[in-house]
Amino acid sequence: MSNLRKAHWEQVYATRESTEVSWYQPVPEKSLQLIRATGAPHAAPILDVGGGASTLVDHLLESGFSDISVLDIASGAFGQSRARLGPLSDQVTWIVSDIIAFVPSRLYAVWHDRAVFHFLTGAAERNRYLSVLRESLQPGGHLLLATFGPQGPRRCSGLDTQRYSVADLQDLLGADFTLRAHELDQHSTPTGSGQQFLYTWWQYGAEDT
């Protein structure tokens, strides 16, 4: 499955510009708001999962964040981001990996995912994702997870997707993740159609307050 997934996304980025994909955002406002809300210092290590061609990294660099890693299964996505960022791309750690095969070499203060989790429709894949998440986050670290919401699309970019409510995510994440905030958002795609996203902020290994 991993090889098929990689081939699919490499094909997407070989044939489409980042501004043409349905999840494109010129300014990822909700993600930026959540990252700022965590209070993570500018030197905190941030991992953007599935963020290969996203503009989030541009805005994080502009905001002064200095330890940013971007992970994506498609190396072609990085080509687009590197071209867009120019010399600034040297300040970013680019990781080509399927997230469920990722072996972290360090711990992160912030894990951000707006592009991957809702494409993992099998229980085994979701469980592996959650294992990698726990292996990657610092105690007290922040999970910023955006998925398709209860009224989101059932398919995207030719693939089946999984829709989530806050309760669904809480059941999957378990008691060691504490919900800090959540919000439904209607994303407008480049073609003008709407997609419902559920944005959530969780803290790992923190007691509820």
C-alpha atoms as a PDB file:
ATOM      1  CA  MET A   1       0.000   0.000   0.000  1.00  0.00           C
ATOM      2  CA  SER A   2       2.828   2.406   0.839  1.00  0.00           C
ATOM      3  CA  ASN A   3       4.331   2.152  -2.660  1.00  0.00           C
ATOM      4  CA  LEU A   4       0.934   2.685  -4.261  1.00  0.00           C
ATOM      5  CA  ARG A   5       0.306   5.696  -2.045  1.00  0.00           C
ATOM      6  CA  LYS A   6       3.685   7.190  -2.929  1.00  0.00           C
ATOM      7  CA  ALA A   7       3.119   6.635  -6.659  1.00  0.00           C
ATOM      8  CA  HIS A   8      -0.287   8.313  -6.409  1.00  0.00           C
ATOM      9  CA  TRP A   9       1.018  11.458  -4.740  1.00  0.00           C
ATOM     10  CA  GLU A  10       4.117  11.702  -6.919  1.00  0.00           C
ATOM     11  CA  GLN A  11       1.761  11.659  -9.912  1.00  0.00           C
ATOM     12  CA  VAL A  12      -0.386  14.400  -8.366  1.00  0.00           C
ATOM     13  CA  TYR A  13       2.575  16.736  -7.918  1.00  0.00           C
ATOM     14  CA  ALA A  14       4.077  15.840 -11.295  1.00  0.00           C
ATOM     15  CA  THR A  15       0.910  16.931 -13.084  1.00  0.00           C
ATOM     16  CA  ARG A  16      -0.481  19.738 -10.912  1.00  0.00           C
ATOM     17  CA  GLU A  17       0.876  22.908  -9.382  1.00  0.00           C
ATOM     18  CA  SER A  18       0.480  23.372  -5.647  1.00  0.00           C
ATOM     19  CA  THR A  19      -2.002  26.189  -6.312  1.00  0.00           C
ATOM     20  CA  GLU A  20      -4.272  23.768  -8.200  1.00  0.00           C
ATOM     21  CA  VAL A  21      -4.752  21.057  -5.574  1.00  0.00           C
ATOM     22  CA  SER A  22      -8.023  21.111  -3.667  1.00  0.00           C
ATOM     23  CA  TRP A  23      -6.440  21.747  -0.240  1.00  0.00           C
ATOM     24  CA  TYR A  24      -4.394  24.770  -1.373  1.00  0.00           C
ATOM     25  CA  GLN A  25      -4.428  27.811   0.901  1.00  0.00           C
ATOM     26  CA  PRO A  26      -2.470  30.977   0.081  1.00  0.00           C
ATOM     27  CA  VAL A  27      -2.403  31.722   3.819  1.00  0.00           C
ATOM     28  CA  PRO A  28      -3.195  28.808   6.194  1.00  0.00           C
ATOM     29  CA  GLU A  29      -4.816  31.055   8.783  1.00  0.00           C
ATOM     30  CA  LYS A  30      -6.344  28.371  11.032  1.00  0.00           C
ATOM     31  CA  SER A  31      -3.101  26.409  11.253  1.00  0.00           C
ATOM     32  CA  LEU A  32      -1.089  29.528  12.026  1.00  0.00           C
ATOM     33  CA  GLN A  33      -3.574  30.588  14.712  1.00  0.00           C
ATOM     34  CA  LEU A  34      -3.338  27.202  16.408  1.00  0.00           C
ATOM     35  CA  ILE A  35       0.462  27.114  16.298  1.00  0.00           C
ATOM     36  CA  ARG A  36       0.602  30.558  17.890  1.00  0.00           C
ATOM     37  CA  ALA A  37      -2.006  29.523  20.469  1.00  0.00           C
ATOM     38  CA  THR A  38       0.214  26.694  21.719  1.00  0.00           C
ATOM     39  CA  GLY A  39       2.701  29.276  22.945  1.00  0.00           C
ATOM     40  CA  ALA A  40       5.561  27.285  21.432  1.00  0.00           C
ATOM     41  CA  PRO A  41       8.714  29.440  21.293  1.00  0.00           C
ATOM     42  CA  HIS A  42      10.198  30.318  17.928  1.00  0.00           C
ATOM     43  CA  ALA A  43      13.021  27.840  18.497  1.00  0.00           C
ATOM     44  CA  ALA A  44      10.635  24.941  19.201  1.00  0.00           C
ATOM     45  CA  PRO A  45      10.885  21.989  16.794  1.00  0.00           C
ATOM     46  CA  ILE A  46       7.823  21.793  14.554  1.00  0.00           C
ATOM     47  CA  LEU A  47       6.910  18.907  12.230  1.00  0.00           C
ATOM     48  CA  ASP A  48       4.464  19.590   9.389  1.00  0.00           C
ATOM     49  CA  VAL A  49       3.150  16.182   8.296  1.00  0.00           C
ATOM     50  CA  GLY A  50       2.093  15.987   4.657  1.00  0.00           C
ATOM     51  CA  GLY A  51       3.111  19.594   4.154  1.00  0.00           C
ATOM     52  CA  GLY A  52       5.261  19.100   1.059  1.00  0.00           C
ATOM     53  CA  ALA A  53       3.851  21.913  -1.087  1.00  0.00           C
ATOM     54  CA  SER A  54       1.923  23.800   1.605  1.00  0.00           C
ATOM     55  CA  THR A  55       2.632  27.480   2.191  1.00  0.00           C
ATOM     56  CA  LEU A  56       2.599  26.936   5.970  1.00  0.00           C
ATOM     57  CA  VAL A  57       6.383  26.710   6.065  1.00  0.00           C
ATOM     58  CA  ASP A  58       6.690  30.077   4.293  1.00  0.00           C
ATOM     59  CA  HIS A  59       4.580  31.793   6.933  1.00  0.00           C
ATOM     60  CA  LEU A  60       6.294  30.042   9.832  1.00  0.00           C
ATOM     61  CA  LEU A  61       9.684  31.224   8.600  1.00  0.00           C
ATOM     62  CA  GLU A  62       8.291  34.721   8.111  1.00  0.00           C
ATOM     63  CA  SER A  63       6.965  34.629  11.693  1.00  0.00           C
ATOM     64  CA  GLY A  64      10.396  33.775  13.079  1.00  0.00           C
ATOM     65  CA  PHE A  65      10.137  30.017  13.681  1.00  0.00           C
ATOM     66  CA  SER A  66      13.559  28.528  13.114  1.00  0.00           C
ATOM     67  CA  ASP A  67      13.321  24.737  13.603  1.00  0.00           C
ATOM     68  CA  ILE A  68      10.858  23.498  10.995  1.00  0.00           C
ATOM     69  CA  SER A  69      10.713  20.024   9.498  1.00  0.00           C
ATOM     70  CA  VAL A  70       8.354  19.196   6.636  1.00  0.00           C
ATOM     71  CA  LEU A  71       7.484  15.572   5.922  1.00  0.00           C
ATOM     72  CA  ASP A  72       5.820  14.314   2.771  1.00  0.00           C
ATOM     73  CA  ILE A  73       5.607  11.038   0.894  1.00  0.00           C
ATOM     74  CA  ALA A  74       6.074  12.818  -2.463  1.00  0.00           C
ATOM     75  CA  SER A  75       9.497  14.266  -3.231  1.00  0.00           C
ATOM     76  CA  GLY A  76       7.897  16.207  -6.080  1.00  0.00           C
ATOM     77  CA  ALA A  77       6.006  18.288  -3.557  1.00  0.00           C
ATOM     78  CA  PHE A  78       9.300  19.453  -2.083  1.00  0.00           C
ATOM     79  CA  GLY A  79      10.504  20.537  -5.503  1.00  0.00           C
ATOM     80  CA  GLN A  80       7.640  22.994  -5.695  1.00  0.00           C
ATOM     81  CA  SER A  81       8.235  24.303  -2.173  1.00  0.00           C
ATOM     82  CA  ARG A  82      11.990  24.666  -2.662  1.00  0.00           C
ATOM     83  CA  ALA A  83      11.447  26.612  -5.862  1.00  0.00           C
ATOM     84  CA  ARG A  84       8.971  28.896  -4.105  1.00  0.00           C
ATOM     85  CA  LEU A  85      11.178  29.503  -1.052  1.00  0.00           C
ATOM     86  CA  GLY A  86      14.477  29.881  -2.886  1.00  0.00           C
ATOM     87  CA  PRO A  87      17.464  30.227  -0.514  1.00  0.00           C
ATOM     88  CA  LEU A  88      15.131  30.098   2.512  1.00  0.00           C
ATOM     89  CA  SER A  89      14.551  26.406   1.760  1.00  0.00           C
ATOM     90  CA  ASP A  90      17.990  25.679   3.230  1.00  0.00           C
ATOM     91  CA  GLN A  91      16.586  26.643   6.649  1.00  0.00           C
ATOM     92  CA  VAL A  92      14.051  23.788   6.504  1.00  0.00           C
ATOM     93  CA  THR A  93      14.543  20.062   7.128  1.00  0.00           C
ATOM     94  CA  TRP A  94      12.823  18.162   4.306  1.00  0.00           C
ATOM     95  CA  ILE A  95      11.863  14.551   5.085  1.00  0.00           C
ATOM     96  CA  VAL A  96      10.661  12.233   2.308  1.00  0.00           C
ATOM     97  CA  SER A  97       8.712   9.454   4.030  1.00  0.00           C
ATOM     98  CA  ASP A  98       5.352   7.791   4.340  1.00  0.00           C
ATOM     99  CA  ILE A  99       4.248   8.887   7.799  1.00  0.00           C
ATOM    100  CA  ILE A 100       3.401   5.328   8.852  1.00  0.00           C
ATOM    101  CA  ALA A 101       6.977   4.283   8.010  1.00  0.00           C
ATOM    102  CA  PHE A 102       8.601   7.317   9.648  1.00  0.00           C
ATOM    103  CA  VAL A 103      11.170   6.664  12.369  1.00  0.00           C
ATOM    104  CA  PRO A 104      11.794   9.927  14.242  1.00  0.00           C
ATOM    105  CA  SER A 105      15.350  10.797  15.217  1.00  0.00           C
ATOM    106  CA  ARG A 106      14.201  13.501  17.626  1.00  0.00           C
ATOM    107  CA  LEU A 107      11.168  14.736  19.530  1.00  0.00           C
ATOM    108  CA  TYR A 108       8.943  17.569  18.346  1.00  0.00           C
ATOM    109  CA  ALA A 109       7.094  20.222  20.324  1.00  0.00           C
ATOM    110  CA  VAL A 110       4.395  20.637  17.660  1.00  0.00           C
ATOM    111  CA  TRP A 111       3.001  18.060  15.230  1.00  0.00           C
ATOM    112  CA  HIS A 112       0.816  19.641  12.537  1.00  0.00           C
ATOM    113  CA  ASP A 113      -1.242  17.627  10.059  1.00  0.00           C
ATOM    114  CA  ARG A 114      -3.854  19.073   7.730  1.00  0.00           C
ATOM    115  CA  ALA A 115      -3.276  16.688   4.842  1.00  0.00           C
ATOM    116  CA  VAL A 116      -2.690  13.082   5.837  1.00  0.00           C
ATOM    117  CA  PHE A 117      -4.767  11.502   8.588  1.00  0.00           C
ATOM    118  CA  HIS A 118      -8.129  11.533   6.822  1.00  0.00           C
ATOM    119  CA  PHE A 119      -6.602   9.552   3.934  1.00  0.00           C
ATOM    120  CA  LEU A 120      -5.724   6.654   6.256  1.00  0.00           C
ATOM    121  CA  THR A 121      -8.956   4.689   6.047  1.00  0.00           C
ATOM    122  CA  GLY A 122      -7.702   1.368   7.438  1.00  0.00           C
ATOM    123  CA  ALA A 123      -7.472   0.631  11.156  1.00  0.00           C
ATOM    124  CA  ALA A 124      -3.928  -0.745  10.891  1.00  0.00           C
ATOM    125  CA  GLU A 125      -2.703   2.407   9.130  1.00  0.00           C
ATOM    126  CA  ARG A 126      -4.380   4.679  11.661  1.00  0.00           C
ATOM    127  CA  ASN A 127      -2.915   2.726  14.564  1.00  0.00           C
ATOM    128  CA  ARG A 128       0.562   2.926  13.073  1.00  0.00           C
ATOM    129  CA  TYR A 129       0.147   6.686  12.553  1.00  0.00           C
ATOM    130  CA  LEU A 130      -0.792   7.073  16.216  1.00  0.00           C
ATOM    131  CA  SER A 131       2.220   5.019  17.286  1.00  0.00           C
ATOM    132  CA  VAL A 132       4.552   7.223  15.242  1.00  0.00           C
ATOM    133  CA  LEU A 133       2.838  10.295  16.709  1.00  0.00           C
ATOM    134  CA  ARG A 134       3.526   9.138  20.261  1.00  0.00           C
ATOM    135  CA  GLU A 135       7.128   8.290  19.374  1.00  0.00           C
ATOM    136  CA  SER A 136       7.608  11.779  17.907  1.00  0.00           C
ATOM    137  CA  LEU A 137       5.969  14.195  20.372  1.00  0.00           C
ATOM    138  CA  GLN A 138       7.624  15.645  23.437  1.00  0.00           C
ATOM    139  CA  PRO A 139       5.764  15.144  26.734  1.00  0.00           C
ATOM    140  CA  GLY A 140       3.422  18.121  26.875  1.00  0.00           C
ATOM    141  CA  GLY A 141       3.812  18.600  23.129  1.00  0.00           C
ATOM    142  CA  HIS A 142       1.003  19.760  20.875  1.00  0.00           C
ATOM    143  CA  LEU A 143      -0.938  17.869  18.204  1.00  0.00           C
ATOM    144  CA  LEU A 144      -2.647  20.128  15.682  1.00  0.00           C
ATOM    145  CA  LEU A 145      -4.820  17.815  13.601  1.00  0.00           C
ATOM    146  CA  ALA A 146      -7.166  18.959  10.856  1.00  0.00           C
ATOM    147  CA  THR A 147      -9.323  16.332   9.164  1.00  0.00           C
ATOM    148  CA  PHE A 148     -12.445  16.318   7.067  1.00  0.00           C
ATOM    149  CA  GLY A 149     -15.352  17.021   9.380  1.00  0.00           C
ATOM    150  CA  PRO A 150     -18.658  15.126   9.717  1.00  0.00           C
ATOM    151  CA  GLN A 151     -19.942  16.784   6.520  1.00  0.00           C
ATOM    152  CA  GLY A 152     -16.615  16.695   4.672  1.00  0.00           C
ATOM    153  CA  PRO A 153     -16.002  14.879   1.377  1.00  0.00           C
ATOM    154  CA  ARG A 154     -15.883  11.105   1.267  1.00  0.00           C
ATOM    155  CA  ARG A 155     -13.307  11.220  -1.530  1.00  0.00           C
ATOM    156  CA  CYS A 156     -10.492  13.634  -2.375  1.00  0.00           C
ATOM    157  CA  SER A 157      -7.838  13.557  -5.117  1.00  0.00           C
ATOM    158  CA  GLY A 158      -9.164  10.220  -6.315  1.00  0.00           C
ATOM    159  CA  LEU A 159      -8.869   8.515  -2.918  1.00  0.00           C
ATOM    160  CA  ASP A 160     -11.373   7.502  -0.254  1.00  0.00           C
ATOM    161  CA  THR A 161     -11.277   9.554   2.927  1.00  0.00           C
ATOM    162  CA  GLN A 162     -12.491   9.218   6.502  1.00  0.00           C
ATOM    163  CA  ARG A 163     -14.664  11.917   8.101  1.00  0.00           C
ATOM    164  CA  TYR A 164     -14.321  12.702  11.814  1.00  0.00           C
ATOM    165  CA  SER A 165     -16.093  14.321  14.716  1.00  0.00           C
ATOM    166  CA  VAL A 166     -14.294  15.480  17.865  1.00  0.00           C
ATOM    167  CA  ALA A 167     -15.635  12.409  19.672  1.00  0.00           C
ATOM    168  CA  ASP A 168     -14.274  10.128  16.947  1.00  0.00           C
ATOM    169  CA  LEU A 169     -10.804  11.629  17.320  1.00  0.00           C
ATOM    170  CA  GLN A 170     -10.920  11.460  21.116  1.00  0.00           C
ATOM    171  CA  ASP A 171     -11.760   7.756  20.911  1.00  0.00           C
ATOM    172  CA  LEU A 172      -8.786   7.148  18.624  1.00  0.00           C
ATOM    173  CA  LEU A 173      -6.286   9.293  20.511  1.00  0.00           C
ATOM    174  CA  GLY A 174      -7.162   8.040  23.974  1.00  0.00           C
ATOM    175  CA  ALA A 175      -6.751   9.509  27.433  1.00  0.00           C
ATOM    176  CA  ASP A 176      -3.149  10.669  26.997  1.00  0.00           C
ATOM    177  CA  PHE A 177      -4.263  13.445  24.633  1.00  0.00           C
ATOM    178  CA  THR A 178      -6.165  16.382  26.138  1.00  0.00           C
ATOM    179  CA  LEU A 179      -8.383  18.471  23.882  1.00  0.00           C
ATOM    180  CA  ARG A 180      -7.525  22.181  24.046  1.00  0.00           C
ATOM    181  CA  ALA A 181      -9.610  23.610  21.182  1.00  0.00           C
ATOM    182  CA  HIS A 182     -11.615  22.624  18.121  1.00  0.00           C
ATOM    183  CA  GLU A 183     -13.404  24.384  15.298  1.00  0.00           C
ATOM    184  CA  LEU A 184     -15.232  23.483  12.096  1.00  0.00           C
ATOM    185  CA  ASP A 185     -14.142  25.434   9.029  1.00  0.00           C
ATOM    186  CA  GLN A 186     -15.449  25.579   5.481  1.00  0.00           C
ATOM    187  CA  HIS A 187     -12.508  25.488   3.086  1.00  0.00           C
ATOM    188  CA  SER A 188     -13.007  26.849  -0.422  1.00  0.00           C
ATOM    189  CA  THR A 189     -11.019  24.918  -3.037  1.00  0.00           C
ATOM    190  CA  PRO A 190      -9.346  26.610  -6.030  1.00  0.00           C
ATOM    191  CA  THR A 191     -12.339  25.518  -8.162  1.00  0.00           C
ATOM    192  CA  GLY A 192     -14.787  27.115  -5.735  1.00  0.00           C
ATOM    193  CA  SER A 193     -16.271  24.028  -4.113  1.00  0.00           C
ATOM    194  CA  GLY A 194     -16.505  23.677  -0.342  1.00  0.00           C
ATOM    195  CA  GLN A 195     -14.870  21.181   2.015  1.00  0.00           C
ATOM    196  CA  GLN A 196     -15.679  20.965   5.706  1.00  0.00           C
ATOM    197  CA  PHE A 197     -12.584  20.644   7.889  1.00  0.00           C
ATOM    198  CA  LEU A 198     -12.418  19.947  11.601  1.00  0.00           C
ATOM    199  CA  TYR A 199      -9.445  21.672  13.253  1.00  0.00           C
ATOM    200  CA  THR A 200      -8.374  20.282  16.625  1.00  0.00           C
ATOM    201  CA  TRP A 201      -5.635  21.095  19.119  1.00  0.00           C
ATOM    202  CA  TRP A 202      -4.559  18.435  21.601  1.00  0.00           C
ATOM    203  CA  GLN A 203      -1.825  18.300  24.201  1.00  0.00           C
ATOM    204  CA  TYR A 204       0.065  15.065  24.745  1.00  0.00           C
ATOM    205  CA  GLY A 205       0.639  13.730  28.238  1.00  0.00           C
ATOM    206  CA  ALA A 206      -0.851  16.795  29.920  1.00  0.00           C
ATOM    207  CA  GLU A 207      -3.422  16.618  32.677  1.00  0.00           C
ATOM    208  CA  ASP A 208      -6.738  18.240  31.880  1.00  0.00           C
ATOM    209  CA  THR A 209      -7.267  21.643  33.440  1.00  0.00           C
END
